[in-house]
Amino acid sequence: LMMSATPIPRTLAASVYAHLSISTLTQTIASRQHIQTKLILENSIRTILDHLLERIETYYEQVYLVLPAITEGALPTRNVSSVAKNLQQSLGQRIRIAQIHGQLPSEIIQERLAQFRNHEIDLLVSTTIIEVGIDVSRANTMVIYDADRFGLAQLHQLRGRIGRQSGTGWCYLLTNSQNEEALHRLRFLEKEDDGFKIAQYDLKSRGSGDLLGERQSGFPAFSIANIFDDEKILVQAQLDAQELCYNNHYEPFVASIRKDIDSILTKASI
C-alpha cells in the first residue's frame, strides 16, 4: 500500500502502466486554508521583506525560507549558510532566526525544529529537509529561492507545509531565470493548487523516468505508444490484459507471460 498527499509523475505513470491500482481522494482536509502563491522574478526577498516582517511582528506568525543548496557551490544558486548569515546580521536584533540542513547533526536539527514548533524561532532558513513530516500551525508563510530548480510536485509538497491554520497562507516563488519553459511551469503552479493537475503537468513536461530503472525524469523509450496521446489505449490494454489473464489463467501461454513479467520485475529489484 502506497499513500501520497502529493502525487508525483512517477506514481501517475505507474497507474497507467498497470503497475499500481490507484484510488483517488480528491477532497481536501476541512481545516486547510487557501494558499496564495506569488511568482517573483528576482532571487531576493527585497520586495517582500516588509510583508514577511509584518507576518512575524504583527500577526505573530512564522516563516520558512527554503533554499536548494547548503553552502556556495559550482551552481549559481542561493544557499542556506550565506542567506542565514546575512539575515542574522541585518535582522538578528529584530527577529529570531535559525537554520537547518542535512549536514547538521540530527540532534541539532531536532532541537531547532522543536524550538520552531514552540515558537522560539520566527524565521527558519532550510533546505528541503522540511518537505515532509513538519506541522507547525503558526508557520503560514514560505519563501522558496531558485524555485525554477525544483520540480512542480516538490514545490507543491513544500507549499503544503503552510496553510494549516486560520487565515490565508503565503507562498513566494523566487527566481531570476529567463528560461521560458521554467517560467511557464512556475506560472502554472502560481494559479493551480490541485495536486493531481500539477502532477499531470509535471509528467508531461519532465516525464516519468524509468519505472523499472533508476531515472527519475525523462520519457519512456516506446517504439510506438505515447503515454499522453495514447492514454486511453494504454488503459484499455491494461483492462484487456487483466481480463485475458483472469479468464485463461490455466492456459500455458498465460503462465509463460506471468513468468516473463516476474523475471523483468525481479531484475528491476521491484
Protein backbone atom coordinates (compact mmCIF):
# COMPACT_ATOMS: atom_id res chain seq x y z
CA LEU A 1 0.00 0.00 0.00
CA MET A 2 1.43 3.37 -1.05
CA MET A 3 -0.15 6.63 0.10
CA SER A 4 0.76 10.12 -1.07
CA ALA A 5 -0.73 13.51 -0.25
CA THR A 6 1.22 14.89 -3.21
CA PRO A 7 1.01 12.77 -6.37
CA ILE A 8 4.23 12.66 -8.38
CA PRO A 9 4.63 11.95 -12.12
CA ARG A 10 6.16 8.52 -11.47
CA THR A 11 3.08 7.47 -9.46
CA LEU A 12 0.70 8.60 -12.21
CA ALA A 13 2.70 6.77 -14.84
CA ALA A 14 2.74 3.58 -12.76
CA SER A 15 -1.05 3.65 -12.54
CA VAL A 16 -1.36 3.98 -16.32
CA TYR A 17 1.10 1.14 -16.92
CA ALA A 18 -0.95 -1.05 -14.53
CA HIS A 19 1.95 -1.43 -12.11
CA LEU A 20 -0.35 0.12 -9.47
CA SER A 21 -4.06 0.13 -8.81
CA ILE A 22 -5.00 3.62 -7.68
CA SER A 23 -7.77 5.07 -5.54
CA THR A 24 -8.21 8.83 -5.60
CA LEU A 25 -9.41 11.05 -2.75
CA THR A 26 -9.99 14.49 -4.16
CA GLN A 27 -11.39 16.23 -1.09
CA THR A 28 -9.06 18.42 0.93
CA ILE A 29 -8.90 18.48 4.72
CA ALA A 30 -11.58 20.83 6.04
CA SER A 31 -9.11 22.72 8.23
CA ARG A 32 -6.74 23.52 5.35
CA GLN A 33 -6.74 27.15 4.27
CA HIS A 34 -6.20 28.73 0.88
CA ILE A 35 -2.56 29.39 -0.03
CA GLN A 36 -1.82 32.50 -2.07
CA THR A 37 1.13 31.72 -4.36
CA LYS A 38 3.14 34.55 -5.94
CA LEU A 39 5.91 34.33 -8.53
CA ILE A 40 8.62 36.97 -8.07
CA LEU A 41 11.09 37.48 -10.91
CA GLU A 42 14.15 38.06 -8.78
CA ASN A 43 16.04 35.78 -6.45
CA SER A 44 15.75 38.06 -3.44
CA ILE A 45 13.27 38.85 -0.67
CA ARG A 46 13.93 42.58 -1.07
CA THR A 47 10.44 43.41 -2.37
CA ILE A 48 8.59 41.21 0.14
CA LEU A 49 10.68 41.81 3.26
CA ASP A 50 8.16 44.24 4.75
CA HIS A 51 5.39 41.66 4.29
CA LEU A 52 7.46 38.92 5.93
CA LEU A 53 8.20 41.13 8.92
CA GLU A 54 4.54 42.08 9.16
CA ARG A 55 3.52 38.41 9.31
CA ILE A 56 6.07 37.83 12.08
CA GLU A 57 5.67 41.00 14.16
CA THR A 58 2.02 41.91 13.66
CA TYR A 59 0.34 38.54 13.17
CA TYR A 60 2.80 36.53 15.34
CA GLU A 61 3.32 34.02 12.56
CA GLN A 62 6.44 32.16 11.50
CA VAL A 63 8.20 31.93 8.15
CA TYR A 64 10.06 29.24 6.20
CA LEU A 65 12.86 30.20 3.81
CA VAL A 66 13.74 27.25 1.55
CA LEU A 67 16.94 27.08 -0.50
CA PRO A 68 18.32 24.45 -2.90
CA ALA A 69 21.89 24.36 -1.50
CA ILE A 70 23.62 24.29 1.89
CA THR A 71 26.78 26.20 1.00
CA GLU A 72 28.14 28.00 -2.02
CA GLY A 73 28.98 25.59 -4.80
CA ALA A 74 29.57 25.31 -8.53
CA LEU A 75 25.96 26.13 -9.41
CA PRO A 76 24.84 29.78 -9.21
CA THR A 77 22.16 29.21 -6.55
CA ARG A 78 21.44 30.83 -3.21
CA ASN A 79 22.37 28.73 -0.19
CA VAL A 80 21.29 28.29 3.43
CA SER A 81 24.58 29.32 5.03
CA SER A 82 25.02 32.69 3.31
CA VAL A 83 21.34 33.69 3.44
CA ALA A 84 21.06 32.81 7.15
CA LYS A 85 24.28 34.72 7.88
CA ASN A 86 23.11 37.84 6.00
CA LEU A 87 19.69 37.78 7.68
CA GLN A 88 21.27 37.33 11.10
CA GLN A 89 23.47 40.36 10.53
CA SER A 90 20.64 42.60 9.28
CA LEU A 91 17.64 41.36 11.29
CA GLY A 92 19.08 39.32 14.14
CA GLN A 93 18.29 42.01 16.70
CA ARG A 94 14.70 42.21 15.50
CA ILE A 95 13.57 38.61 14.91
CA ARG A 96 14.77 35.13 15.92
CA ILE A 97 16.49 33.28 13.06
CA ALA A 98 17.83 29.73 12.79
CA GLN A 99 18.97 27.37 10.04
CA ILE A 100 18.73 23.62 9.46
CA HIS A 101 20.09 21.34 6.75
CA GLY A 102 21.14 17.75 6.26
CA GLN A 103 24.79 18.27 7.22
CA LEU A 104 23.91 19.22 10.78
CA PRO A 105 23.85 16.53 13.48
CA SER A 106 20.37 15.03 13.84
CA GLU A 107 20.11 16.17 17.47
CA ILE A 108 20.71 19.80 16.40
CA ILE A 109 18.07 19.50 13.67
CA GLN A 110 15.52 18.05 16.09
CA GLU A 111 16.33 20.68 18.71
CA ARG A 112 15.79 23.56 16.28
CA LEU A 113 12.61 22.04 14.88
CA ALA A 114 11.30 21.73 18.44
CA GLN A 115 12.18 25.38 19.04
CA PHE A 116 10.35 26.31 15.85
CA ARG A 117 7.25 24.35 16.91
CA ASN A 118 7.34 26.09 20.30
CA HIS A 119 7.56 29.47 18.56
CA GLU A 120 11.04 30.17 19.92
CA ILE A 121 12.19 30.81 16.33
CA ASP A 122 10.47 33.27 13.98
CA LEU A 123 12.20 32.52 10.71
CA LEU A 124 13.65 29.13 9.72
CA VAL A 125 16.18 29.01 6.88
CA SER A 126 16.28 25.49 5.50
CA THR A 127 16.89 23.11 2.64
CA THR A 128 14.10 20.78 1.51
CA ILE A 129 14.64 18.82 4.72
CA ILE A 130 11.32 20.32 5.86
CA GLU A 131 9.45 18.84 2.88
CA VAL A 132 7.68 16.12 4.87
CA GLY A 133 6.72 15.44 8.47
CA ILE A 134 6.64 19.07 9.61
CA ASP A 135 3.41 20.52 11.01
CA VAL A 136 3.71 23.98 12.58
CA SER A 137 0.37 25.76 12.55
CA ARG A 138 1.81 29.26 13.06
CA ALA A 139 4.22 28.87 10.13
CA ASN A 140 1.94 30.27 7.46
CA THR A 141 4.40 31.89 5.04
CA MET A 142 7.03 30.25 2.83
CA VAL A 143 9.67 31.69 0.51
CA ILE A 144 11.39 29.37 -1.98
CA TYR A 145 14.61 30.63 -3.57
CA ASP A 146 15.66 29.42 -7.05
CA ALA A 147 12.19 27.93 -7.49
CA ASP A 148 12.96 27.05 -11.13
CA ARG A 149 15.39 24.36 -9.89
CA PHE A 150 12.63 22.33 -8.24
CA GLY A 151 10.03 20.08 -9.85
CA LEU A 152 6.40 21.17 -9.60
CA ALA A 153 5.42 18.20 -7.44
CA GLN A 154 8.19 19.03 -4.97
CA LEU A 155 7.22 22.71 -4.88
CA HIS A 156 3.62 21.69 -4.21
CA GLN A 157 4.81 19.37 -1.45
CA LEU A 158 6.84 22.17 0.15
CA ARG A 159 3.90 24.55 -0.15
CA GLY A 160 1.83 22.03 1.79
CA ARG A 161 3.77 22.91 4.97
CA ILE A 162 1.75 26.12 5.27
CA GLY A 163 -1.96 26.96 5.25
CA ARG A 164 -2.52 24.84 8.36
CA GLN A 165 -4.27 27.46 10.48
CA SER A 166 -6.95 30.11 10.09
CA GLY A 167 -6.12 32.75 7.54
CA THR A 168 -4.53 32.72 4.10
CA GLY A 169 -1.12 31.11 3.64
CA TRP A 170 1.50 32.88 1.55
CA CYS A 171 4.00 31.12 -0.72
CA TYR A 172 6.56 33.15 -2.70
CA LEU A 173 8.44 31.56 -5.60
CA LEU A 174 11.67 33.45 -6.29
CA THR A 175 13.64 33.09 -9.49
CA ASN A 176 15.88 35.13 -11.77
CA SER A 177 15.63 32.54 -14.53
CA GLN A 178 14.83 33.77 -18.02
CA ASN A 179 14.04 30.32 -19.34
CA GLU A 180 10.52 30.48 -20.76
CA GLU A 181 9.75 26.83 -20.07
CA ALA A 182 10.77 27.19 -16.41
CA LEU A 183 8.74 30.38 -16.03
CA HIS A 184 5.72 28.76 -17.66
CA ARG A 185 5.87 25.91 -15.11
CA LEU A 186 6.07 28.34 -12.20
CA ARG A 187 3.19 30.45 -13.54
CA PHE A 188 1.13 27.26 -13.76
CA LEU A 189 1.87 26.49 -10.09
CA GLU A 190 1.06 30.08 -9.17
CA LYS A 191 -2.52 29.55 -10.37
CA GLU A 192 -3.07 25.84 -9.59
CA ASP A 193 -3.39 24.11 -6.21
CA ASP A 194 -4.83 20.74 -7.33
CA GLY A 195 -2.10 18.16 -6.72
CA PHE A 196 -3.35 15.80 -9.44
CA LYS A 197 -3.37 18.50 -12.12
CA ILE A 198 0.10 19.59 -11.01
CA ALA A 199 1.39 16.01 -11.24
CA GLN A 200 -0.12 15.62 -14.71
CA TYR A 201 1.55 18.84 -15.86
CA ASP A 202 4.86 17.72 -14.32
CA LEU A 203 4.53 14.33 -16.02
CA LYS A 204 4.02 15.94 -19.42
CA SER A 205 6.87 18.42 -19.01
CA ARG A 206 9.52 16.30 -17.26
CA GLY A 207 8.49 12.71 -17.93
CA SER A 208 8.14 9.79 -15.53
CA GLY A 209 11.62 8.34 -15.76
CA ASP A 210 12.06 4.57 -15.85
CA LEU A 211 9.60 2.64 -13.70
CA LEU A 212 11.89 -0.39 -13.95
CA GLY A 213 15.11 1.59 -13.69
CA GLU A 214 16.78 4.45 -11.84
CA ARG A 215 15.94 7.51 -13.96
CA GLN A 216 13.66 9.89 -12.05
CA SER A 217 12.78 12.04 -15.08
CA GLY A 218 12.73 11.78 -18.86
CA PHE A 219 10.34 9.98 -21.17
CA PRO A 220 9.98 6.20 -21.71
CA ALA A 221 11.51 4.90 -24.94
CA PHE A 222 8.36 3.45 -26.50
CA SER A 223 8.68 2.39 -30.14
CA ILE A 224 5.10 3.42 -30.94
CA ALA A 225 2.92 4.39 -27.96
CA ASN A 226 2.93 7.78 -26.26
CA ILE A 227 1.81 7.88 -22.62
CA PHE A 228 -0.05 11.17 -23.13
CA ASP A 229 -1.59 10.84 -26.61
CA ASP A 230 -2.36 7.14 -26.17
CA GLU A 231 -3.51 7.15 -22.54
CA LYS A 232 -6.95 5.71 -23.37
CA ILE A 233 -5.42 2.87 -25.39
CA LEU A 234 -2.95 2.07 -22.58
CA VAL A 235 -5.76 1.96 -20.02
CA GLN A 236 -7.85 -0.28 -22.28
CA ALA A 237 -4.84 -2.54 -22.84
CA GLN A 238 -4.49 -2.83 -19.07
CA LEU A 239 -8.13 -3.92 -18.73
CA ASP A 240 -7.85 -6.36 -21.64
CA ALA A 241 -4.70 -7.92 -20.20
CA GLN A 242 -6.34 -8.37 -16.80
CA GLU A 243 -9.41 -10.00 -18.38
CA LEU A 244 -7.25 -12.25 -20.57
CA CYS A 245 -5.18 -13.48 -17.62
CA TYR A 246 -8.24 -13.93 -15.38
CA ASN A 247 -10.29 -15.93 -17.92
CA ASN A 248 -7.36 -18.04 -19.12
CA HIS A 249 -5.22 -18.42 -16.02
CA TYR A 250 -4.85 -22.20 -16.58
CA GLU A 251 -3.59 -21.81 -20.13
CA PRO A 252 0.15 -22.39 -20.75
CA PHE A 253 0.60 -19.08 -22.60
CA VAL A 254 -0.66 -17.12 -19.56
CA ALA A 255 1.76 -18.96 -17.29
CA SER A 256 4.54 -18.08 -19.72
CA ILE A 257 3.55 -14.39 -19.70
CA ARG A 258 3.47 -14.34 -15.90
CA LYS A 259 6.93 -15.95 -15.80
CA ASP A 260 8.35 -13.31 -18.16
CA ILE A 261 6.82 -10.47 -16.12
CA ASP A 262 8.16 -11.90 -12.85
CA SER A 263 11.61 -12.14 -14.40
CA ILE A 264 11.53 -8.49 -15.55
CA LEU A 265 10.36 -7.24 -12.14
CA THR A 266 12.98 -9.33 -10.34
CA LYS A 267 15.80 -7.90 -12.47
CA ALA A 268 14.45 -4.40 -11.77
CA SER A 269 14.55 -5.10 -7.99
CA ILE A 270 10.86 -4.24 -7.59
